[in-house]
N, C-alpha and C. Protein backbone atom coordinates (compact mmCIF):
# COMPACT_ATOMS: atom_id res chain seq x y z
N MET A 1 95.19 149.35 131.94
CA MET A 1 94.50 148.11 131.84
C MET A 1 94.20 147.63 130.39
N ASN A 2 94.39 146.37 130.04
CA ASN A 2 94.22 145.80 128.68
C ASN A 2 92.89 145.75 128.31
N ALA A 3 92.53 145.96 127.16
CA ALA A 3 91.20 145.85 126.57
C ALA A 3 90.87 144.38 126.48
N HIS A 4 89.52 144.13 126.79
CA HIS A 4 89.02 142.74 126.73
C HIS A 4 89.18 142.21 125.23
N PRO A 5 89.57 140.97 124.92
CA PRO A 5 89.77 140.61 123.48
C PRO A 5 88.54 140.54 122.73
N LEU A 6 87.30 140.40 123.34
CA LEU A 6 86.10 140.23 122.65
C LEU A 6 85.34 141.58 122.66
N LYS A 7 85.98 142.54 122.89
CA LYS A 7 85.25 143.84 123.04
C LYS A 7 84.78 144.42 121.54
N ASN A 8 85.51 144.10 120.64
CA ASN A 8 85.06 144.52 119.29
C ASN A 8 84.54 143.20 118.56
N TRP A 9 83.76 142.43 119.13
CA TRP A 9 83.22 141.35 118.57
C TRP A 9 82.35 141.43 117.32
N ARG A 10 81.77 142.51 117.19
CA ARG A 10 80.87 142.73 116.05
C ARG A 10 81.89 142.91 114.87
N ASP A 11 82.87 143.73 115.14
CA ASP A 11 83.85 143.83 113.98
C ASP A 11 84.60 142.62 113.45
N ALA A 12 84.81 141.76 114.56
CA ALA A 12 85.47 140.44 114.19
C ALA A 12 84.63 139.59 113.41
N LEU A 13 83.31 139.55 113.82
CA LEU A 13 82.29 138.75 113.14
C LEU A 13 82.08 139.27 111.71
N ALA A 14 82.10 140.64 111.60
CA ALA A 14 81.95 141.13 110.20
C ALA A 14 83.09 140.81 109.28
N SER A 15 84.28 140.74 109.82
CA SER A 15 85.30 140.35 108.93
C SER A 15 85.40 138.88 108.64
N LEU A 16 84.64 138.05 109.36
CA LEU A 16 84.61 136.55 109.16
C LEU A 16 83.55 136.21 107.97
N LYS A 17 82.66 137.28 107.59
CA LYS A 17 81.62 136.88 106.74
C LYS A 17 82.06 136.50 105.41
N PRO A 18 81.39 135.50 104.71
CA PRO A 18 81.92 135.15 103.41
C PRO A 18 81.70 136.33 102.34
N SER A 19 82.67 136.36 101.52
CA SER A 19 82.84 137.42 100.57
C SER A 19 81.68 137.50 99.52
N LYS A 20 81.08 136.30 99.11
CA LYS A 20 80.05 136.32 98.14
C LYS A 20 78.88 135.50 98.73
N ALA A 21 77.81 135.63 98.18
CA ALA A 21 76.45 135.04 98.61
C ALA A 21 76.54 133.58 98.10
N PRO A 22 75.87 132.71 99.05
CA PRO A 22 75.77 131.31 98.54
C PRO A 22 75.13 131.15 97.23
N VAL A 23 75.53 130.04 96.59
CA VAL A 23 74.92 129.86 95.33
C VAL A 23 73.59 129.04 95.46
N PRO A 24 72.41 129.38 94.79
CA PRO A 24 71.14 128.77 94.84
C PRO A 24 71.37 127.18 94.68
N ALA A 25 70.52 126.50 95.24
CA ALA A 25 70.61 124.91 95.14
C ALA A 25 70.56 124.34 93.87
N GLU A 26 69.70 124.86 92.98
CA GLU A 26 69.55 124.44 91.69
C GLU A 26 70.83 124.55 90.82
N ALA A 27 71.41 125.79 90.87
CA ALA A 27 72.62 126.12 90.31
C ALA A 27 73.81 125.29 90.67
N PHE A 28 73.86 125.10 92.03
CA PHE A 28 74.97 124.17 92.54
C PHE A 28 74.87 122.76 91.91
N TRP A 29 73.58 122.11 91.96
CA TRP A 29 73.47 120.80 91.43
C TRP A 29 73.74 120.70 89.98
N THR A 30 73.37 121.67 89.26
CA THR A 30 73.56 121.89 87.73
C THR A 30 75.06 121.78 87.46
N GLU A 31 75.83 122.70 88.25
CA GLU A 31 77.33 122.66 88.07
C GLU A 31 77.94 121.29 88.46
N PHE A 32 77.42 120.73 89.61
CA PHE A 32 77.96 119.45 90.15
C PHE A 32 77.68 118.42 88.93
N ARG A 33 76.55 118.27 88.44
CA ARG A 33 76.28 117.28 87.36
C ARG A 33 77.14 117.50 86.15
N ARG A 34 77.39 118.78 85.80
CA ARG A 34 78.18 119.11 84.66
C ARG A 34 79.64 118.71 84.84
N ARG A 35 80.09 118.97 86.14
CA ARG A 35 81.60 118.46 86.35
C ARG A 35 81.67 117.01 86.54
N ALA A 36 80.65 116.35 87.14
CA ALA A 36 80.61 114.88 87.16
C ALA A 36 80.54 114.18 85.91
N SER A 37 79.94 114.78 84.87
CA SER A 37 79.77 114.20 83.54
C SER A 37 81.22 114.09 82.81
N ARG A 38 82.10 115.02 83.22
CA ARG A 38 83.35 115.06 82.59
C ARG A 38 84.31 113.96 83.14
N VAL A 39 84.04 113.43 84.35
CA VAL A 39 84.91 112.37 84.86
C VAL A 39 84.44 111.05 84.57
N GLU A 40 85.35 110.24 84.05
CA GLU A 40 84.97 108.77 83.74
C GLU A 40 84.51 108.07 84.98
N GLN A 41 83.33 107.56 85.02
CA GLN A 41 82.87 106.73 86.18
C GLN A 41 83.03 105.39 85.97
N ALA A 42 83.43 104.54 87.06
CA ALA A 42 83.60 103.19 86.96
C ALA A 42 82.18 102.53 86.97
N LEU A 43 82.07 101.37 86.34
CA LEU A 43 80.82 100.72 86.47
C LEU A 43 80.69 100.08 87.63
N ALA A 44 79.27 99.87 88.12
CA ALA A 44 79.06 99.23 89.43
C ALA A 44 79.45 97.81 89.24
N LEU A 45 80.01 97.20 90.27
CA LEU A 45 80.36 95.74 90.36
C LEU A 45 79.09 94.92 90.55
N SER A 46 79.08 93.88 89.67
CA SER A 46 77.88 92.96 89.89
C SER A 46 78.39 91.86 90.73
N ALA A 47 77.35 91.07 91.24
CA ALA A 47 77.67 89.98 92.14
C ALA A 47 78.21 88.79 91.20
N PRO A 48 79.17 88.01 91.81
CA PRO A 48 79.63 86.95 90.93
C PRO A 48 78.54 85.96 90.44
N ARG A 49 78.67 85.40 89.27
CA ARG A 49 77.67 84.69 88.70
C ARG A 49 77.48 83.26 89.42
N HIS A 50 78.75 82.67 89.76
CA HIS A 50 78.70 81.43 90.51
C HIS A 50 79.45 81.55 91.78
N PRO A 51 78.79 81.94 92.88
CA PRO A 51 79.31 82.06 94.19
C PRO A 51 79.70 80.67 94.77
N LEU A 52 79.06 79.64 94.38
CA LEU A 52 79.23 78.30 95.05
C LEU A 52 80.68 77.83 94.93
N PRO A 53 81.25 77.92 93.74
CA PRO A 53 82.66 77.42 93.72
C PRO A 53 83.70 78.08 94.80
N ARG A 54 83.39 79.44 94.99
CA ARG A 54 84.28 80.06 96.06
C ARG A 54 83.89 79.48 97.40
N TRP A 55 82.44 79.41 97.64
CA TRP A 55 82.21 78.80 99.07
C TRP A 55 82.77 77.39 99.17
N GLY A 56 82.69 76.74 98.19
CA GLY A 56 83.24 75.19 98.08
C GLY A 56 84.69 75.38 98.44
N LEU A 57 85.49 76.23 97.71
CA LEU A 57 86.92 76.32 97.98
C LEU A 57 87.19 76.82 99.43
N ALA A 58 86.36 77.65 99.91
CA ALA A 58 86.56 78.12 101.31
C ALA A 58 86.33 76.91 102.25
N ALA A 59 85.21 76.18 102.07
CA ALA A 59 84.94 75.04 102.89
C ALA A 59 86.03 73.88 102.85
N ALA A 60 86.47 73.80 101.70
CA ALA A 60 87.61 72.74 101.52
C ALA A 60 88.92 73.15 102.20
N CYS A 61 89.19 74.51 102.28
CA CYS A 61 90.37 74.94 103.03
C CYS A 61 90.08 74.77 104.43
N ALA A 62 88.88 75.07 104.88
CA ALA A 62 88.56 75.04 106.32
C ALA A 62 88.69 73.47 106.71
N LEU A 63 88.28 72.61 105.94
CA LEU A 63 88.44 71.12 106.35
C LEU A 63 89.83 70.70 106.34
N VAL A 64 90.68 71.20 105.51
CA VAL A 64 92.09 70.80 105.44
C VAL A 64 92.75 71.48 106.76
N LEU A 65 92.40 72.59 107.04
CA LEU A 65 92.98 73.23 108.37
C LEU A 65 92.52 72.38 109.56
N LEU A 66 91.26 72.11 109.60
CA LEU A 66 90.70 71.42 110.66
C LEU A 66 91.47 70.03 110.81
N ALA A 67 91.56 69.27 109.72
CA ALA A 67 92.06 68.00 109.70
C ALA A 67 93.70 68.03 110.06
N ALA A 68 94.28 69.21 109.92
CA ALA A 68 95.66 69.34 110.27
C ALA A 68 95.86 69.56 111.70
N ALA A 69 94.79 70.38 112.23
CA ALA A 69 94.83 70.84 113.72
C ALA A 69 94.40 69.83 114.68
N LEU A 70 93.47 68.94 114.23
CA LEU A 70 93.05 67.97 115.18
C LEU A 70 94.09 66.95 115.81
N PRO A 71 95.03 66.55 115.01
CA PRO A 71 95.95 65.65 115.69
C PRO A 71 96.91 66.30 116.71
N VAL A 72 97.12 67.66 116.21
CA VAL A 72 97.94 68.46 117.24
C VAL A 72 97.23 68.77 118.50
N TRP A 73 95.90 68.99 118.36
CA TRP A 73 95.00 69.44 119.46
C TRP A 73 94.91 68.05 120.53
N ARG A 74 94.74 66.94 119.86
CA ARG A 74 94.72 65.79 120.69
C ARG A 74 95.92 65.35 121.35
N ARG A 75 97.05 65.66 120.80
CA ARG A 75 98.46 65.46 121.46
C ARG A 75 98.48 66.33 122.58
N THR A 76 98.15 67.57 122.46
CA THR A 76 98.24 68.41 123.54
C THR A 76 97.36 68.23 124.70
N GLY A 77 96.23 67.69 124.43
CA GLY A 77 95.33 67.32 125.44
C GLY A 77 95.95 66.13 126.39
N ASP A 78 96.75 65.34 125.87
CA ASP A 78 97.30 64.13 126.68
C ASP A 78 98.31 64.76 127.69
N ARG A 79 98.91 65.80 127.44
CA ARG A 79 99.95 66.44 128.27
C ARG A 79 99.50 67.28 129.42
N ALA A 80 98.09 67.38 129.56
CA ALA A 80 97.70 68.28 130.52
C ALA A 80 97.81 67.55 131.96
N GLU A 81 98.34 68.50 132.93
CA GLU A 81 98.55 67.96 134.17
C GLU A 81 97.18 67.78 135.04
N THR A 82 97.27 67.00 136.03
CA THR A 82 96.17 66.93 137.02
C THR A 82 95.94 68.17 137.62
N SER A 83 94.70 68.42 138.10
CA SER A 83 94.48 69.62 139.02
C SER A 83 95.12 69.46 140.29
N VAL A 84 95.94 70.53 140.64
CA VAL A 84 96.54 70.44 141.90
C VAL A 84 96.20 71.73 142.71
N ILE A 85 95.91 71.55 143.95
CA ILE A 85 95.56 72.61 144.89
C ILE A 85 96.64 72.48 145.92
N HIS A 86 97.67 73.55 145.96
CA HIS A 86 98.75 73.37 147.10
C HIS A 86 98.16 74.12 148.33
N SER A 87 97.43 75.14 148.37
CA SER A 87 97.00 75.76 149.54
C SER A 87 95.69 76.65 149.24
N VAL A 88 94.86 76.78 150.18
CA VAL A 88 93.79 77.61 150.00
C VAL A 88 93.34 78.39 151.23
N GLU A 89 92.76 79.58 151.07
CA GLU A 89 92.44 80.38 152.31
C GLU A 89 90.93 80.52 152.24
N VAL A 90 90.19 80.10 153.21
CA VAL A 90 88.80 80.42 153.40
C VAL A 90 88.53 81.52 154.28
N ILE A 91 87.99 82.64 153.81
CA ILE A 91 87.78 83.76 154.69
C ILE A 91 86.51 83.52 155.69
N ALA A 92 85.48 82.84 155.18
CA ALA A 92 84.23 82.63 156.06
C ALA A 92 84.63 81.63 157.15
N SER A 93 83.84 81.71 158.19
CA SER A 93 84.09 80.70 159.33
C SER A 93 83.81 79.25 158.90
N HIS A 94 84.72 78.30 159.28
CA HIS A 94 84.47 76.99 158.85
C HIS A 94 85.22 76.06 159.97
N ARG A 95 84.86 74.85 159.85
CA ARG A 95 85.68 73.83 160.84
C ARG A 95 86.88 73.19 160.25
N ALA A 96 86.84 72.90 159.05
CA ALA A 96 88.08 72.08 158.28
C ALA A 96 88.01 72.27 156.82
N VAL A 97 89.16 72.08 156.26
CA VAL A 97 89.44 72.18 154.81
C VAL A 97 90.09 70.83 154.47
N LEU A 98 89.51 70.17 153.56
CA LEU A 98 90.00 68.86 153.06
C LEU A 98 90.37 69.08 151.63
N ILE A 99 91.64 68.69 151.18
CA ILE A 99 92.08 68.77 149.79
C ILE A 99 92.41 67.33 149.39
N MET A 100 91.65 66.85 148.37
CA MET A 100 91.84 65.37 147.99
C MET A 100 92.28 65.35 146.52
N LYS A 101 93.03 64.34 146.13
CA LYS A 101 93.51 64.15 144.75
C LYS A 101 92.61 62.89 144.23
N ASP A 102 92.11 62.99 143.13
CA ASP A 102 91.34 61.92 142.28
C ASP A 102 92.18 61.67 141.14
N ASP A 103 93.08 60.62 141.27
CA ASP A 103 93.85 60.20 140.08
C ASP A 103 93.20 59.67 138.85
N VAL A 104 91.93 58.99 139.11
CA VAL A 104 91.09 58.36 138.11
C VAL A 104 90.56 59.28 137.21
N HIS A 105 90.09 60.52 137.70
CA HIS A 105 89.54 61.47 136.96
C HIS A 105 90.47 62.75 136.78
N ARG A 106 91.57 62.57 137.23
CA ARG A 106 92.59 63.56 137.10
C ARG A 106 92.04 64.95 137.53
N ALA A 107 91.69 64.94 138.79
CA ALA A 107 90.95 66.18 139.39
C ALA A 107 91.47 66.39 140.84
N ALA A 108 91.27 67.49 141.33
CA ALA A 108 91.53 67.75 142.85
C ALA A 108 90.14 68.12 143.39
N ILE A 109 89.86 67.70 144.55
CA ILE A 109 88.65 67.90 145.27
C ILE A 109 88.83 68.77 146.44
N LEU A 110 88.18 69.91 146.61
CA LEU A 110 88.32 70.72 147.64
C LEU A 110 87.00 70.76 148.53
N TRP A 111 87.12 70.35 149.82
CA TRP A 111 85.97 70.29 150.66
C TRP A 111 86.06 71.34 151.82
N VAL A 112 85.12 72.12 152.03
CA VAL A 112 85.06 73.08 153.22
C VAL A 112 84.01 72.53 154.07
N VAL A 113 84.36 72.17 155.39
CA VAL A 113 83.37 71.57 156.22
C VAL A 113 83.00 72.60 157.31
N GLY A 114 81.68 72.69 157.47
CA GLY A 114 81.09 73.59 158.49
C GLY A 114 81.23 75.04 158.04
N LEU A 115 80.91 75.22 156.77
CA LEU A 115 81.08 76.80 156.26
C LEU A 115 80.02 77.57 156.90
N ASN A 116 80.38 78.67 157.40
CA ASN A 116 79.53 79.77 158.02
C ASN A 116 78.88 79.08 159.35
N GLU A 117 79.44 78.24 159.94
CA GLU A 117 78.93 77.56 161.11
C GLU A 117 79.34 78.38 162.32
N THR A 118 78.36 78.80 163.21
CA THR A 118 78.67 79.52 164.38
C THR A 118 78.87 78.48 165.47
N ALA A 119 79.42 78.98 166.55
CA ALA A 119 79.49 78.11 167.74
C ALA A 119 78.26 77.74 168.43
N GLU A 120 77.19 78.51 168.25
CA GLU A 120 75.78 78.24 168.80
C GLU A 120 75.15 77.10 168.05
N ASN A 121 75.27 77.02 166.67
CA ASN A 121 74.55 76.00 166.07
C ASN A 121 75.50 74.72 165.66
N ARG A 122 76.76 74.73 166.04
CA ARG A 122 77.72 73.75 165.66
C ARG A 122 77.26 72.37 166.23
N THR A 123 77.27 71.41 165.42
CA THR A 123 76.96 70.12 165.75
C THR A 123 78.17 69.30 165.74
N LEU A 124 78.41 68.40 166.83
CA LEU A 124 79.58 67.61 166.73
C LEU A 124 79.29 66.32 166.22
N PRO A 125 80.21 65.70 165.50
CA PRO A 125 79.98 64.45 164.74
C PRO A 125 79.87 63.30 165.68
């Protein structure tokens, strides 16, 4: 029978111990600052002195794009087809389905007559 792989877990953990003790915090940070002082540090970036010209340029670009897009947008709106309903399936009980086309408003109207009406409370016109 094979030995369980974790049978010698104390030996395995002992072999994973670090070879040297950790450095005290004060010594670590002293060494860190010493090494950091040798590397040339970039200066912190300051805010632009005049942000308004950039905002003005951005606003002008937005207006130009909007002015270019509006005529195209208006042309595509004229090409829209009227609403069309070819067929409809009503799952709830009903008496009739009417589909009408309104050319003036370029719309389709769907009427479901007697929706959820049962035979007991049905009224005849």
